Amino acid sequence: MGMTTHLSRFSPVLLVLLWLLPPAPARAQQQSPPAIEGPQILDVQGGKIRVVPIATGLFHPWSLAFTDARTILVTERNGRLRMIRDGVLAQEPIWSSPTPPGDGNDALHFLAVHPKFAQNQLVYVSYPKRGERGITLAVAHGRMSGAKLTDVQEIFVADAWETGGNLAGRIYFTPESLLYVTVGDRDRLCCNGGEDNSLRMKAQSLENHVGKTLRLRDDGTVPPDNPFIGRAGAKPEIFTYGHRNGYGLAVNPETGELWQAEIGPMGGDEVNILLSGHNYGWPLVSTGRNYTGTLVSDQPWARPGMDNPRIHWVPSISPSSIIFYTGDKFPKWKNNLFVGSLTQQQLIRIAFHQPSQAERREALLGPLHQRIRDVQMGPDGYIYVATERAISGATADGMVLRIEPAE
């Protein structure tokens, strides 16, 4: 998890505690930026955009998904799945997580809609699951019936049990109805002032789901062409390994490759191109540093058999989400990559194949001072983001914003 410039006077240990540990209700909160009231016109390269609030009063919204042109579903971290229909946020949730939110209000993470939703009405969610061995990540699906999610069934539980540490939990469907799931490195020792990497080293083992990207069929079972099928001691759900905390997944429309955004330690946030069976290095390889300031290993930059990132950031931006834009409302942004940033409070646009600068980057939405939790393209071709105003807190001041051309 990264540090912003204005937080650099705090210790790295304190910063990661703020990110990973459940926030207590009584904890003092940073001063929030002013609320956004009404459409905002912002300058961008080559023009202007209009940012329109679609829904306000959300509690730390983590994920967005469209079921049709009229309907947006939103997960709130405290466990509620909300519906926005025709621009109106329904007061009551359409479903609530089976996990009690607890002091940290951590009960629901990410959301995905089945590619054949029009036929099967299936919606998928990921959430923390508690048990005798601690907490892990679970994935469930349910069927939309009017304004309710019904017949919700758990289809997968990760072997990533721990008493703390990051779960991640991004879920993403490819057009072939294959479901990809990210599982965090579960490292509850990262911020104890030492350099004990015994837990994060699980990301290098194929015997568990820690620090992995998983590949499932839509019923939670294993596709027969997964890379580690039949290998003794390997979990068959694993697609790639050696990850820290993967938060974004998207298919590159020009290449068909699956790209993943991953939050690094102190620096070292990454975008990787995921290839079946490949190892992405964590915790042995990273352009970031441990929270004590030391290099992550004695050979930190590259190792044989481990893939380096396609894009990386130092200092950190804490990427929460990614999309490739494929709509027609912003012709100049066609096939650009959009990365939601938490700590930098920006939506970062990356344009490829640029003259004299191969990957031009532009920071969007900075004047709004919002943490970008998710970015999605709507059926209308506009860009939608879910935002929160602070890392934690008990105030429901999250929003869904729509980005339009101002001309």
Protein backbone atom coordinates (compact mmCIF):
# COMPACT_ATOMS: atom_id res chain seq x y z
CA MET A 1 0.00 0.00 0.00
CA GLY A 2 1.42 3.34 -0.98
CA MET A 3 2.06 6.65 0.71
CA THR A 4 1.05 9.99 -0.70
CA THR A 5 3.38 12.94 -0.55
CA HIS A 6 1.31 14.78 2.03
CA LEU A 7 1.46 11.73 4.32
CA SER A 8 5.22 11.26 4.06
CA ARG A 9 5.86 12.66 7.54
CA PHE A 10 4.20 9.58 9.08
CA SER A 11 6.02 6.27 9.54
CA PRO A 12 5.47 3.54 6.93
CA VAL A 13 4.30 1.20 9.70
CA LEU A 14 1.51 3.59 10.71
CA LEU A 15 0.40 4.04 7.10
CA VAL A 16 -0.02 0.35 6.43
CA LEU A 17 -1.91 -0.07 9.70
CA LEU A 18 -4.39 2.54 8.52
CA TRP A 19 -4.92 0.54 5.32
CA LEU A 20 -5.02 -3.03 6.59
CA LEU A 21 -6.52 -2.96 10.07
CA PRO A 22 -10.28 -2.71 10.60
CA PRO A 23 -11.14 0.87 11.51
CA ALA A 24 -12.61 1.33 15.00
CA PRO A 25 -15.68 3.60 15.13
CA ALA A 26 -14.05 5.86 17.68
CA ARG A 27 -10.83 6.34 15.71
CA ALA A 28 -10.13 9.96 14.82
CA GLN A 29 -10.57 10.54 11.12
CA GLN A 30 -8.70 12.77 8.73
CA GLN A 31 -10.54 15.88 7.66
CA SER A 32 -12.71 15.06 4.67
CA PRO A 33 -12.73 17.22 1.54
CA PRO A 34 -15.84 19.22 0.71
CA ALA A 35 -18.83 17.28 -0.58
CA ILE A 36 -19.51 17.35 -4.33
CA GLU A 37 -22.77 19.14 -5.04
CA GLY A 38 -23.97 19.05 -8.62
CA PRO A 39 -22.04 18.51 -11.87
CA GLN A 40 -18.40 19.58 -11.98
CA ILE A 41 -16.57 20.73 -15.14
CA LEU A 42 -12.90 19.72 -15.19
CA ASP A 43 -10.12 20.36 -17.69
CA VAL A 44 -8.50 17.36 -19.40
CA GLN A 45 -5.98 17.07 -22.20
CA GLY A 46 -7.66 18.37 -25.33
CA GLY A 47 -10.96 19.39 -23.77
CA LYS A 48 -13.23 19.26 -20.75
CA ILE A 49 -15.27 16.63 -18.93
CA ARG A 50 -18.42 16.86 -16.84
CA VAL A 51 -18.54 14.81 -13.64
CA VAL A 52 -22.11 14.15 -12.49
CA PRO A 53 -23.06 12.67 -9.09
CA ILE A 54 -25.41 9.74 -9.72
CA ALA A 55 -25.76 8.52 -6.14
CA THR A 56 -24.54 9.86 -2.80
CA GLY A 57 -24.73 8.67 0.79
CA LEU A 58 -23.03 5.32 0.17
CA PHE A 59 -20.91 3.61 2.84
CA HIS A 60 -17.43 3.01 1.41
CA PRO A 61 -18.61 1.62 -1.95
CA TRP A 62 -16.11 -0.94 -3.26
CA SER A 63 -17.50 -2.20 -6.54
CA LEU A 64 -19.90 -1.34 -9.39
CA ALA A 65 -21.65 -3.49 -11.99
CA PHE A 66 -24.37 -2.86 -14.57
CA THR A 67 -27.18 -5.38 -15.05
CA ASP A 68 -28.72 -3.30 -17.86
CA ALA A 69 -28.72 0.26 -19.16
CA ARG A 70 -31.01 1.40 -16.32
CA THR A 71 -29.53 -0.43 -13.34
CA ILE A 72 -26.27 -0.19 -11.39
CA LEU A 73 -25.44 -2.48 -8.48
CA VAL A 74 -23.02 -1.24 -5.79
CA THR A 75 -21.36 -3.08 -2.91
CA GLU A 76 -20.87 -1.25 0.39
CA ARG A 77 -18.07 -2.41 2.63
CA ASN A 78 -20.39 -2.90 5.61
CA GLY A 79 -22.14 -5.74 3.79
CA ARG A 80 -24.99 -4.17 1.83
CA LEU A 81 -25.62 -4.63 -1.88
CA ARG A 82 -27.42 -1.55 -3.20
CA MET A 83 -29.31 -0.78 -6.41
CA ILE A 84 -29.40 2.43 -8.43
CA ARG A 85 -32.22 2.37 -10.97
CA ASP A 86 -32.90 5.25 -13.36
CA GLY A 87 -30.54 7.40 -11.31
CA VAL A 88 -32.29 6.77 -7.98
CA LEU A 89 -30.60 4.91 -5.12
CA ALA A 90 -33.01 2.47 -3.47
CA GLN A 91 -33.14 3.03 0.29
CA GLU A 92 -33.10 -0.64 1.23
CA PRO A 93 -30.34 -3.06 0.21
CA ILE A 94 -31.23 -5.80 -2.25
CA TRP A 95 -29.10 -8.26 -0.27
CA SER A 96 -26.78 -8.28 2.76
CA SER A 97 -23.62 -10.28 3.34
CA PRO A 98 -23.82 -13.24 5.73
CA THR A 99 -20.63 -11.96 7.41
CA PRO A 100 -21.19 -9.60 10.37
CA PRO A 101 -19.44 -6.29 9.62
CA GLY A 102 -17.80 -6.09 13.05
CA ASP A 103 -15.80 -3.09 14.26
CA GLY A 104 -14.02 -2.82 10.91
CA ASN A 105 -17.23 -2.69 8.86
CA ASP A 106 -15.63 -5.26 6.54
CA ALA A 107 -18.31 -7.59 5.24
CA LEU A 108 -18.52 -7.24 1.44
CA HIS A 109 -15.94 -6.60 -1.26
CA PHE A 110 -16.40 -7.02 -5.02
CA LEU A 111 -19.17 -7.63 -7.51
CA ALA A 112 -19.51 -9.12 -10.99
CA VAL A 113 -22.42 -9.81 -13.33
CA HIS A 114 -22.51 -12.99 -15.40
CA PRO A 115 -21.83 -12.37 -19.12
CA LYS A 116 -25.17 -14.09 -19.86
CA PHE A 117 -27.06 -12.12 -17.22
CA ALA A 118 -29.94 -11.41 -19.62
CA GLN A 119 -30.62 -15.15 -19.72
CA ASN A 120 -29.67 -16.36 -16.21
CA GLN A 121 -29.93 -13.21 -14.00
CA LEU A 122 -26.82 -14.27 -12.01
CA VAL A 123 -24.86 -11.80 -9.87
CA TYR A 124 -21.60 -12.73 -8.08
CA VAL A 125 -20.14 -11.24 -4.88
CA SER A 126 -16.98 -11.77 -2.80
CA TYR A 127 -16.78 -11.27 0.95
CA PRO A 128 -14.78 -12.20 4.07
CA LYS A 129 -15.84 -15.53 5.58
CA ARG A 130 -15.24 -16.33 9.24
CA GLY A 131 -14.54 -19.79 10.63
CA GLU A 132 -12.59 -21.73 13.23
CA ARG A 133 -9.32 -21.09 11.34
CA GLY A 134 -9.84 -17.31 11.14
CA ILE A 135 -11.00 -15.40 8.06
CA THR A 136 -10.78 -16.17 4.36
CA LEU A 137 -12.40 -15.09 1.08
CA ALA A 138 -15.67 -16.56 -0.19
CA VAL A 139 -17.50 -16.13 -3.50
CA ALA A 140 -21.26 -16.57 -3.90
CA HIS A 141 -23.83 -16.05 -6.60
CA GLY A 142 -27.51 -15.19 -6.50
CA ARG A 143 -30.33 -14.55 -8.92
CA MET A 144 -31.89 -11.13 -9.44
CA SER A 145 -35.63 -11.16 -8.91
CA GLY A 146 -37.13 -7.70 -9.21
CA ALA A 147 -35.33 -5.55 -6.64
CA LYS A 148 -33.89 -8.45 -4.62
CA LEU A 149 -30.98 -10.87 -4.94
CA THR A 150 -32.41 -14.28 -4.16
CA ASP A 151 -31.24 -17.90 -3.88
CA VAL A 152 -27.72 -16.79 -2.89
CA GLN A 153 -25.34 -19.75 -2.73
CA GLU A 154 -21.66 -19.92 -1.80
CA ILE A 155 -19.77 -21.48 -4.70
CA PHE A 156 -16.13 -21.13 -3.60
CA VAL A 157 -14.14 -20.69 -0.37
CA ALA A 158 -10.43 -19.91 -0.68
CA ASP A 159 -7.78 -21.80 1.26
CA ALA A 160 -6.37 -18.53 2.57
CA TRP A 161 -7.27 -18.66 6.26
CA GLU A 162 -5.59 -16.16 8.58
CA THR A 163 -6.51 -13.97 11.53
CA GLY A 164 -5.72 -10.80 9.59
CA GLY A 165 -4.09 -9.41 6.47
CA ASN A 166 -5.41 -8.34 3.08
CA LEU A 167 -8.03 -10.47 1.33
CA ALA A 168 -8.39 -8.51 -1.96
CA GLY A 169 -11.23 -10.44 -3.66
CA ARG A 170 -11.66 -8.82 -7.09
CA ILE A 171 -13.92 -11.02 -9.22
CA TYR A 172 -14.03 -10.66 -12.99
CA PHE A 173 -15.72 -12.51 -15.85
CA THR A 174 -14.20 -12.94 -19.28
CA PRO A 175 -16.62 -13.24 -22.23
CA GLU A 176 -16.12 -17.02 -22.12
CA SER A 177 -17.89 -17.07 -18.72
CA LEU A 178 -14.65 -17.87 -16.87
CA LEU A 179 -14.46 -16.28 -13.42
CA TYR A 180 -11.13 -14.88 -12.18
CA VAL A 181 -10.66 -14.23 -8.45
CA THR A 182 -7.77 -12.41 -6.74
CA VAL A 183 -6.68 -13.43 -3.23
CA GLY A 184 -4.40 -11.18 -1.16
CA ASP A 185 -1.18 -12.19 0.54
CA ARG A 186 -2.80 -12.24 4.04
CA ASP A 187 0.33 -10.71 5.56
CA ARG A 188 -0.71 -9.57 9.05
CA LEU A 189 2.98 -9.25 10.02
CA CYS A 190 3.90 -6.55 7.51
CA CYS A 191 3.45 -3.67 9.95
CA ASN A 192 4.88 -4.99 13.21
CA GLY A 193 8.16 -3.12 12.81
CA GLY A 194 10.08 -6.17 11.62
CA GLU A 195 10.75 -7.98 8.36
CA ASP A 196 9.16 -11.36 8.98
CA ASN A 197 7.98 -12.55 5.56
CA SER A 198 6.91 -16.05 6.63
CA LEU A 199 3.24 -15.40 5.87
CA ARG A 200 3.75 -13.55 2.59
CA MET A 201 5.99 -16.38 1.33
CA LYS A 202 2.79 -18.40 0.98
CA ALA A 203 2.31 -16.46 -2.27
CA GLN A 204 5.18 -18.56 -3.69
CA SER A 205 3.59 -21.88 -2.70
CA LEU A 206 1.10 -23.74 -4.89
CA GLU A 207 -0.34 -25.53 -1.84
CA ASN A 208 -2.70 -22.65 -0.93
CA HIS A 209 -4.65 -19.77 -2.50
CA VAL A 210 -2.72 -16.97 -0.76
CA GLY A 211 -1.30 -14.35 -3.15
CA LYS A 212 -2.87 -15.97 -6.21
CA THR A 213 -5.17 -15.23 -9.11
CA LEU A 214 -7.66 -18.06 -9.43
CA ARG A 215 -9.58 -19.25 -12.49
CA LEU A 216 -12.98 -20.89 -12.03
CA ARG A 217 -16.00 -21.88 -14.04
CA ASP A 218 -19.17 -19.95 -13.32
CA ASP A 219 -20.34 -22.64 -10.85
CA GLY A 220 -17.11 -22.47 -8.83
CA THR A 221 -15.59 -25.64 -10.23
CA VAL A 222 -12.19 -25.93 -11.90
CA PRO A 223 -11.74 -25.54 -15.69
CA PRO A 224 -9.99 -28.61 -17.12
CA ASP A 225 -7.26 -26.52 -18.79
CA ASN A 226 -6.02 -24.72 -15.67
CA PRO A 227 -2.20 -24.78 -15.53
CA PHE A 228 -1.69 -26.85 -12.38
CA ILE A 229 -4.31 -29.55 -12.94
CA GLY A 230 -2.83 -32.88 -11.89
CA ARG A 231 0.30 -31.49 -10.18
CA ALA A 232 0.79 -33.10 -6.77
CA GLY A 233 0.33 -30.63 -3.90
CA ALA A 234 -0.92 -27.80 -6.13
CA LYS A 235 -4.33 -26.18 -5.84
CA PRO A 236 -6.06 -26.71 -9.20
CA GLU A 237 -7.84 -23.33 -9.07
CA ILE A 238 -4.55 -21.39 -9.36
CA PHE A 239 -4.01 -19.49 -12.62
CA THR A 240 -1.05 -17.28 -11.58
CA TYR A 241 0.89 -16.84 -8.33
CA GLY A 242 3.44 -14.62 -6.60
CA HIS A 243 1.01 -11.71 -6.19
CA ARG A 244 0.65 -9.29 -3.30
CA ASN A 245 -2.84 -7.75 -3.36
CA GLY A 246 -4.58 -7.78 -6.73
CA TYR A 247 -7.42 -5.27 -6.99
CA GLY A 248 -8.05 -4.78 -10.70
CA LEU A 249 -8.67 -7.11 -13.65
CA ALA A 250 -9.45 -6.24 -17.28
CA VAL A 251 -9.02 -7.75 -20.75
CA ASN A 252 -6.93 -5.71 -23.19
CA PRO A 253 -9.23 -5.32 -26.25
CA GLU A 254 -6.27 -5.09 -28.65
CA THR A 255 -4.48 -8.25 -27.51
CA GLY A 256 -7.03 -10.33 -25.59
CA GLU A 257 -4.60 -10.51 -22.65
CA LEU A 258 -5.82 -10.37 -19.06
CA TRP A 259 -4.21 -7.47 -17.16
CA GLN A 260 -4.12 -7.15 -13.39
CA ALA A 261 -3.46 -4.18 -11.09
CA GLU A 262 -1.70 -5.02 -7.85
CA ILE A 263 -0.99 -2.94 -4.75
CA GLY A 264 2.68 -3.22 -3.79
CA PRO A 265 4.34 -2.53 -0.44
CA MET A 266 6.02 0.86 0.09
CA GLY A 267 6.13 1.70 -3.60
CA GLY A 268 6.03 -0.95 -6.28
CA ASP A 269 2.39 -0.86 -7.36
CA GLU A 270 2.06 -2.86 -10.56
CA VAL A 271 0.04 -3.70 -13.64
CA ASN A 272 0.85 -7.22 -14.83
CA ILE A 273 -0.08 -9.20 -17.93
CA LEU A 274 -1.33 -12.53 -16.58
CA LEU A 275 -0.11 -15.62 -18.37
CA SER A 276 -1.26 -19.10 -17.39
CA GLY A 277 0.95 -20.68 -14.73
CA HIS A 278 3.35 -17.73 -14.43
CA ASN A 279 4.99 -16.47 -11.23
CA TYR A 280 4.94 -12.69 -10.59
CA GLY A 281 7.60 -12.65 -7.90
CA TRP A 282 6.08 -11.50 -4.61
CA PRO A 283 7.53 -11.36 -2.00
CA LEU A 284 10.96 -11.94 -3.55
CA VAL A 285 10.73 -9.43 -6.42
CA SER A 286 9.29 -5.91 -6.19
CA THR A 287 10.24 -2.37 -7.16
CA GLY A 288 8.88 -1.33 -3.76
CA ARG A 289 10.39 -1.72 -0.31
CA ASN A 290 9.44 -3.29 3.00
CA TYR A 291 7.74 -1.00 5.49
CA THR A 292 11.04 -0.80 7.36
CA GLY A 293 12.57 0.76 4.24
CA THR A 294 14.72 -2.19 3.23
CA LEU A 295 14.64 -3.98 -0.13
CA VAL A 296 12.23 -6.91 -0.26
CA SER A 297 15.03 -9.43 -0.85
CA ASP A 298 18.69 -9.77 -1.75
CA GLN A 299 17.71 -9.96 -5.45
CA PRO A 300 14.68 -7.65 -5.58
CA TRP A 301 14.49 -6.37 -9.16
CA ALA A 302 14.25 -9.54 -11.24
CA ARG A 303 14.70 -13.30 -10.99
CA PRO A 304 14.67 -16.10 -13.55
CA GLY A 305 11.23 -17.64 -13.88
CA MET A 306 9.44 -14.60 -12.45
CA ASP A 307 7.60 -12.04 -14.63
CA ASN A 308 8.28 -8.33 -14.23
CA PRO A 309 5.34 -5.88 -14.31
CA ARG A 310 4.12 -4.23 -17.50
CA ILE A 311 3.71 -0.91 -15.61
CA HIS A 312 4.83 0.07 -12.12
CA TRP A 313 4.70 3.09 -9.83
CA VAL A 314 7.17 4.50 -7.32
CA PRO A 315 5.92 6.20 -5.19
CA SER A 316 2.71 4.28 -4.77
CA ILE A 317 -0.73 5.12 -6.08
CA SER A 318 -2.60 2.14 -4.52
CA PRO A 319 -4.48 0.95 -7.64
CA SER A 320 -8.00 -0.13 -6.75
CA SER A 321 -9.38 -1.01 -10.19
CA ILE A 322 -8.75 -0.92 -13.94
CA ILE A 323 -10.70 -0.85 -17.20
CA PHE A 324 -9.85 -0.48 -20.87
CA TYR A 325 -12.18 2.05 -22.45
CA THR A 326 -13.98 0.61 -25.49
CA GLY A 327 -16.95 2.97 -25.83
CA ASP A 328 -17.74 5.71 -28.34
CA LYS A 329 -18.36 8.73 -26.09
CA PHE A 330 -14.63 9.51 -25.81
CA PRO A 331 -13.10 8.66 -29.23
CA LYS A 332 -9.67 9.97 -28.24
CA TRP A 333 -9.63 7.60 -25.25
CA LYS A 334 -10.33 4.44 -27.25
CA ASN A 335 -8.44 1.44 -25.76
CA ASN A 336 -6.85 3.62 -23.08
CA LEU A 337 -6.28 2.03 -19.68
CA PHE A 338 -7.95 3.70 -16.69
CA VAL A 339 -6.56 3.03 -13.21
CA GLY A 340 -8.36 4.03 -10.03
CA SER A 341 -5.99 5.39 -7.39
CA LEU A 342 -6.76 5.43 -3.68
CA THR A 343 -3.83 7.28 -2.15
CA GLN A 344 -3.32 9.73 -5.03
CA GLN A 345 -7.09 10.34 -5.27
CA GLN A 346 -7.07 10.27 -9.06
CA LEU A 347 -8.34 8.35 -12.03
CA ILE A 348 -5.22 7.77 -14.11
CA ARG A 349 -5.53 7.50 -17.89
CA ILE A 350 -2.76 5.69 -19.77
CA ALA A 351 -2.63 6.07 -23.56
CA PHE A 352 -0.50 3.62 -25.52
CA HIS A 353 1.26 3.93 -28.91
CA GLN A 354 1.81 7.68 -28.48
CA PRO A 355 4.32 9.60 -30.66
CA SER A 356 7.48 10.52 -28.74
CA GLN A 357 5.98 9.11 -25.53
CA ALA A 358 4.92 5.48 -25.62
CA GLU A 359 2.62 5.60 -22.59
CA ARG A 360 1.22 9.04 -21.93
CA ARG A 361 -0.34 9.33 -18.46
CA GLU A 362 -2.94 11.84 -17.36
CA ALA A 363 -4.37 12.28 -13.86
CA LEU A 364 -8.14 12.89 -13.85
CA LEU A 365 -10.56 13.92 -11.06
CA GLY A 366 -7.78 15.19 -8.77
CA PRO A 367 -9.60 18.45 -7.89
CA LEU A 368 -12.46 16.40 -6.40
CA HIS A 369 -10.20 14.84 -3.72
CA GLN A 370 -11.94 11.48 -3.82
CA ARG A 371 -10.44 8.02 -3.33
CA ILE A 372 -11.35 6.06 -6.47
CA ARG A 373 -12.61 2.64 -5.38
CA ASP A 374 -13.85 1.28 -8.70
CA VAL A 375 -14.04 2.32 -12.33
CA GLN A 376 -16.40 0.79 -14.91
CA MET A 377 -17.71 1.66 -18.36
CA GLY A 378 -21.48 1.80 -18.56
CA PRO A 379 -23.64 0.44 -21.38
CA ASP A 380 -24.09 4.08 -22.45
CA GLY A 381 -20.35 4.46 -23.10
CA TYR A 382 -19.78 6.85 -20.19
CA ILE A 383 -17.26 6.13 -17.43
CA TYR A 384 -18.51 5.53 -13.89
CA VAL A 385 -16.51 5.57 -10.67
CA ALA A 386 -17.28 4.65 -7.07
CA THR A 387 -15.56 6.92 -4.55
CA GLU A 388 -15.00 7.36 -0.85
CA ARG A 389 -13.75 10.44 0.95
CA ALA A 390 -11.52 8.78 3.56
CA ILE A 391 -9.81 5.46 4.23
CA SER A 392 -12.22 4.58 7.01
CA GLY A 393 -14.89 6.07 9.20
CA ALA A 394 -18.56 5.66 9.96
CA THR A 395 -19.87 8.38 7.63
CA ALA A 396 -21.82 7.32 4.53
CA ASP A 397 -20.26 9.87 2.17
CA GLY A 398 -19.35 7.59 -0.75
CA MET A 399 -20.61 8.35 -4.24
CA VAL A 400 -21.12 7.02 -7.73
CA LEU A 401 -20.02 9.56 -10.36
CA ARG A 402 -20.56 9.58 -14.13
CA ILE A 403 -17.90 11.08 -16.43
CA GLU A 404 -19.19 12.67 -19.64
CA PRO A 405 -17.72 14.89 -22.36
CA ALA A 406 -18.52 18.50 -21.49
CA GLU A 407 -18.83 19.63 -25.10
